Amino acid sequence: MEQLVNETVMGELSSMRGMMEEHFAGLLWSDRQRRSPINGTLTKHLFAAGFSAQMVRMIIATH
């Protein structure tokens, strides 16, 4: 029973993490697009390619 509860909680946490990453990606893209259309476009393409929000921030910071 305890294992089932742990698996359920971990699944829910994973789902919440995914939703938060999607939400953060949208906010980050919107902010980048407003400040710099080129960085905004690059951000959009990196997210579409499957890069994480943290990786996109690192790449954009060096751009």
Foldseek 3Di string as FASTA:
>chain_A
DVVVVVVVVVVVVVVVVVVVQVVVLVVVLVVCCVVPVVLSVVSVVCVVVPDTPVVSVVVSVVD
